Protein backbone atom coordinates (compact mmCIF):
# COMPACT_ATOMS: atom_id res chain seq x y z
CA UNK A 1 -236.37 -7.00 -186.78
CA UNK A 2 -238.75 -9.34 -184.99
CA UNK A 3 -242.13 -7.90 -184.11
CA UNK A 4 -241.63 -8.61 -180.38
CA UNK A 5 -238.34 -6.68 -180.29
CA UNK A 6 -239.87 -3.78 -182.24
CA UNK A 7 -242.85 -3.72 -179.85
CA UNK A 8 -240.57 -3.77 -176.79
CA UNK A 9 -238.54 -0.84 -178.11
CA UNK A 10 -241.65 1.18 -178.93
CA UNK A 11 -242.91 0.61 -175.38
CA UNK A 12 -239.53 1.54 -173.89
CA UNK A 13 -238.99 4.69 -175.95
CA UNK A 14 -241.00 6.98 -173.63
CA UNK A 15 -239.21 5.55 -170.60
CA UNK A 16 -235.76 6.09 -172.15
CA UNK A 17 -236.75 9.66 -172.98
CA UNK A 18 -238.20 10.29 -169.51
CA UNK A 19 -234.99 9.32 -167.74
CA UNK A 20 -232.40 10.54 -170.24
CA UNK A 21 -231.84 13.89 -168.52
CA UNK A 22 -230.23 14.75 -165.22
CA UNK A 23 -230.06 12.34 -162.32
CA UNK A 24 -233.10 12.70 -160.11
CA UNK A 25 -232.27 12.73 -156.39
CA UNK A 26 -232.17 9.41 -154.60
CA UNK A 27 -234.70 8.87 -151.80
CA UNK A 28 -233.17 9.60 -148.39
CA UNK A 29 -234.07 6.03 -147.33
CA UNK A 30 -231.30 4.82 -149.70
CA UNK A 31 -228.55 7.08 -148.30
CA UNK A 32 -225.70 4.87 -147.12
CA UNK A 33 -227.07 1.84 -149.01
CA UNK A 34 -226.15 -0.07 -152.15
CA UNK A 35 -228.39 -1.62 -154.79
CA UNK A 36 -227.01 -4.57 -156.78
CA UNK A 37 -228.75 -5.97 -159.88
CA UNK A 38 -227.44 -9.15 -161.55
CA UNK A 39 -228.56 -10.89 -164.75
CA UNK A 40 -227.52 -13.25 -167.55
CA UNK A 41 -227.57 -12.36 -171.24
CA UNK A 42 -227.88 -15.01 -173.95
CA UNK A 43 -226.58 -13.26 -177.06
CA UNK A 44 -225.91 -13.81 -180.72
CA UNK A 45 -222.73 -11.78 -181.23
CA UNK A 46 -219.46 -11.50 -183.12
CA UNK A 47 -216.35 -9.38 -182.99
CA UNK A 48 -216.93 -6.30 -185.11
CA UNK A 49 -216.27 -7.06 -188.76
CA UNK A 50 -216.03 -10.84 -188.38
CA UNK A 51 -218.21 -13.35 -190.24
CA UNK A 52 -220.86 -15.34 -188.43
CA UNK A 53 -222.74 -14.40 -185.29
CA UNK A 54 -222.29 -17.02 -182.57
CA UNK A 55 -224.03 -17.74 -179.27
CA UNK A 56 -222.42 -16.15 -176.22
CA UNK A 57 -223.39 -16.00 -172.55
CA UNK A 58 -222.49 -12.96 -170.46
CA UNK A 59 -223.28 -12.27 -166.82
CA UNK A 60 -223.98 -8.65 -165.97
CA UNK A 61 -224.01 -6.75 -162.71
CA UNK A 62 -224.97 -3.15 -162.03
CA UNK A 63 -224.24 -1.68 -158.60
CA UNK A 64 -225.25 1.69 -157.20
CA UNK A 65 -224.14 3.21 -153.92
CA UNK A 66 -225.93 6.29 -152.57
CA UNK A 67 -223.55 8.17 -150.29
CA UNK A 68 -224.49 9.86 -147.03
CA UNK A 69 -224.95 13.17 -148.87
CA UNK A 70 -226.98 11.62 -151.71
CA UNK A 71 -224.07 11.41 -154.16
CA UNK A 72 -224.53 8.47 -156.56
CA UNK A 73 -221.72 6.08 -157.48
CA UNK A 74 -222.27 3.23 -159.92
CA UNK A 75 -220.46 0.37 -161.61
CA UNK A 76 -221.45 -1.81 -164.56
CA UNK A 77 -219.61 -5.07 -165.11
CA UNK A 78 -219.84 -8.00 -167.51
CA UNK A 79 -218.31 -11.45 -167.14
CA UNK A 80 -217.69 -14.20 -169.67
CA UNK A 81 -218.36 -17.25 -167.46
CA UNK A 82 -216.87 -19.64 -170.04
CA UNK A 83 -213.47 -17.96 -169.93
CA UNK A 84 -213.64 -16.43 -166.45
CA UNK A 85 -212.82 -12.95 -167.76
CA UNK A 86 -214.60 -9.77 -166.72
CA UNK A 87 -214.48 -6.01 -167.02
CA UNK A 88 -216.16 -3.03 -165.37
CA UNK A 89 -216.71 0.70 -165.76
CA UNK A 90 -217.39 3.07 -162.87
CA UNK A 91 -219.19 6.41 -162.83
CA UNK A 92 -220.06 9.15 -160.34
CA UNK A 93 -223.21 11.21 -160.85
CA UNK A 94 -224.77 11.82 -164.26
CA UNK A 95 -222.93 10.80 -167.39
CA UNK A 96 -223.63 10.95 -171.09
CA UNK A 97 -223.63 7.16 -171.51
CA UNK A 98 -225.25 6.01 -168.26
CA UNK A 99 -228.08 7.73 -166.41
CA UNK A 100 -229.39 6.73 -162.99
CA UNK A 101 -232.75 8.29 -162.10
CA UNK A 102 -235.01 7.87 -159.08
CA UNK A 103 -238.71 8.57 -158.86
CA UNK A 104 -240.83 7.50 -155.90
CA UNK A 105 -239.96 3.88 -155.13
CA UNK A 106 -238.25 3.19 -158.46
CA UNK A 107 -234.82 3.57 -160.02
CA UNK A 108 -234.27 3.48 -163.76
CA UNK A 109 -230.83 3.15 -165.31
CA UNK A 110 -230.37 3.80 -169.01
CA UNK A 111 -227.07 2.80 -170.61
CA UNK A 112 -226.45 4.42 -174.01
CA UNK A 113 -222.83 3.34 -174.49
CA UNK A 114 -223.49 1.53 -177.74
CA UNK A 115 -224.61 2.30 -181.27
CA UNK A 116 -227.94 0.87 -182.37
CA UNK A 117 -229.34 0.06 -178.94
CA UNK A 118 -229.46 0.63 -175.20
CA UNK A 119 -229.89 -1.24 -171.92
CA UNK A 120 -232.58 -0.35 -169.40
CA UNK A 121 -232.51 -1.51 -165.80
CA UNK A 122 -235.73 -0.82 -163.88
CA UNK A 123 -235.76 -1.37 -160.12
CA UNK A 124 -238.84 -1.32 -157.88
CA UNK A 125 -238.31 -0.97 -154.12
CA UNK A 126 -240.56 -2.12 -151.28
CA UNK A 127 -242.08 0.50 -148.95
CA UNK A 128 -239.04 0.55 -146.65
CA UNK A 129 -236.39 0.44 -149.40
CA UNK A 130 -235.04 -2.76 -147.84
CA UNK A 131 -235.66 -5.06 -150.82
CA UNK A 132 -236.16 -4.74 -154.56
CA UNK A 133 -237.10 -6.43 -157.79
CA UNK A 134 -235.64 -5.59 -161.19
CA UNK A 135 -236.05 -5.94 -164.93
CA UNK A 136 -233.19 -5.71 -167.41
CA UNK A 137 -233.85 -5.16 -171.10
CA UNK A 138 -231.32 -4.62 -173.86
CA UNK A 139 -233.07 -3.36 -176.94
CA UNK A 140 -231.96 -2.77 -180.50
CA UNK A 141 -233.04 0.38 -182.33
CA UNK A 142 -235.52 -0.11 -185.11
CA UNK A 143 -233.68 -0.57 -188.38
CA UNK A 144 -230.32 -1.34 -186.75
CA UNK A 145 -228.72 -4.54 -188.01
CA UNK A 146 -226.88 -5.01 -184.73
CA UNK A 147 -225.95 -3.24 -181.52
CA UNK A 148 -222.29 -2.19 -181.72
CA UNK A 149 -220.67 -1.82 -178.31
CA UNK A 150 -217.23 -1.64 -176.74
CA UNK A 151 -216.42 -4.87 -175.00
CA UNK A 152 -216.31 -4.42 -171.22
CA UNK A 153 -214.28 -7.63 -171.04
CA UNK A 154 -211.68 -6.99 -173.77
CA UNK A 155 -210.59 -3.32 -173.81
CA UNK A 156 -210.33 -1.79 -177.25
CA UNK A 157 -212.50 -4.43 -178.90
CA UNK A 158 -215.98 -3.82 -180.25
CA UNK A 159 -218.67 -6.46 -180.56
CA UNK A 160 -221.76 -6.60 -182.73
CA UNK A 161 -224.83 -8.04 -181.00
CA UNK A 162 -227.66 -9.27 -183.24
CA UNK A 163 -229.99 -10.35 -180.42
CA UNK A 164 -230.12 -10.55 -176.62
CA UNK A 165 -232.32 -12.49 -174.24
CA UNK A 166 -232.03 -11.53 -170.56
CA UNK A 167 -232.71 -14.11 -167.83
CA UNK A 168 -232.02 -14.71 -164.14
CA UNK A 169 -232.46 -11.12 -162.98
CA UNK A 170 -231.95 -10.57 -159.24
CA UNK A 171 -231.90 -7.45 -157.09
CA UNK A 172 -230.64 -6.76 -153.57
CA UNK A 173 -230.46 -3.73 -151.27
CA UNK A 174 -227.42 -3.81 -148.99
CA UNK A 175 -226.41 -1.61 -146.09
CA UNK A 176 -223.15 0.19 -146.71
CA UNK A 177 -220.92 0.79 -149.70
CA UNK A 178 -220.33 -2.23 -151.98
CA UNK A 179 -217.36 -0.33 -153.46
CA UNK A 180 -215.49 -0.23 -150.15
CA UNK A 181 -215.61 3.47 -149.20
CA UNK A 182 -217.12 6.83 -150.05
């Protein structure tokens, strides 16, 4: 494992642990609003069990809607821009594989739905919760040869990811429900 990846995971470990429990309540200023984070991943990946790792580009999006009572709805989606195929998973509240936690003017999402790694999405809000910035990091556990994850794009298929570089992260706060209803 490269030293920079190992260092990043060591720095992230306390943050993953801090937010791995129950969902912390969303700030009331976000009730009735949605938060949408988008990014691009440049990966070296292969279908599980196949030979060589190959470069692949995936576009990710994570959306959260905080209902009028504070209930949290979220969706994670990935798109293969080369083939125009995409897939998504939706969750309500706290789940084993995806945690959404709020503290002060920040939101941290930890996705544990893979073996050998995790994705962390950290969002910082402005004072009025009307805009945001985000960071997205997908890290590999120390000693893991690859991250093994279910493909969001091709159901039933698993992929092995040797490395990931995240670029083009954007964040937006929107009034209303991006999912179309509560």
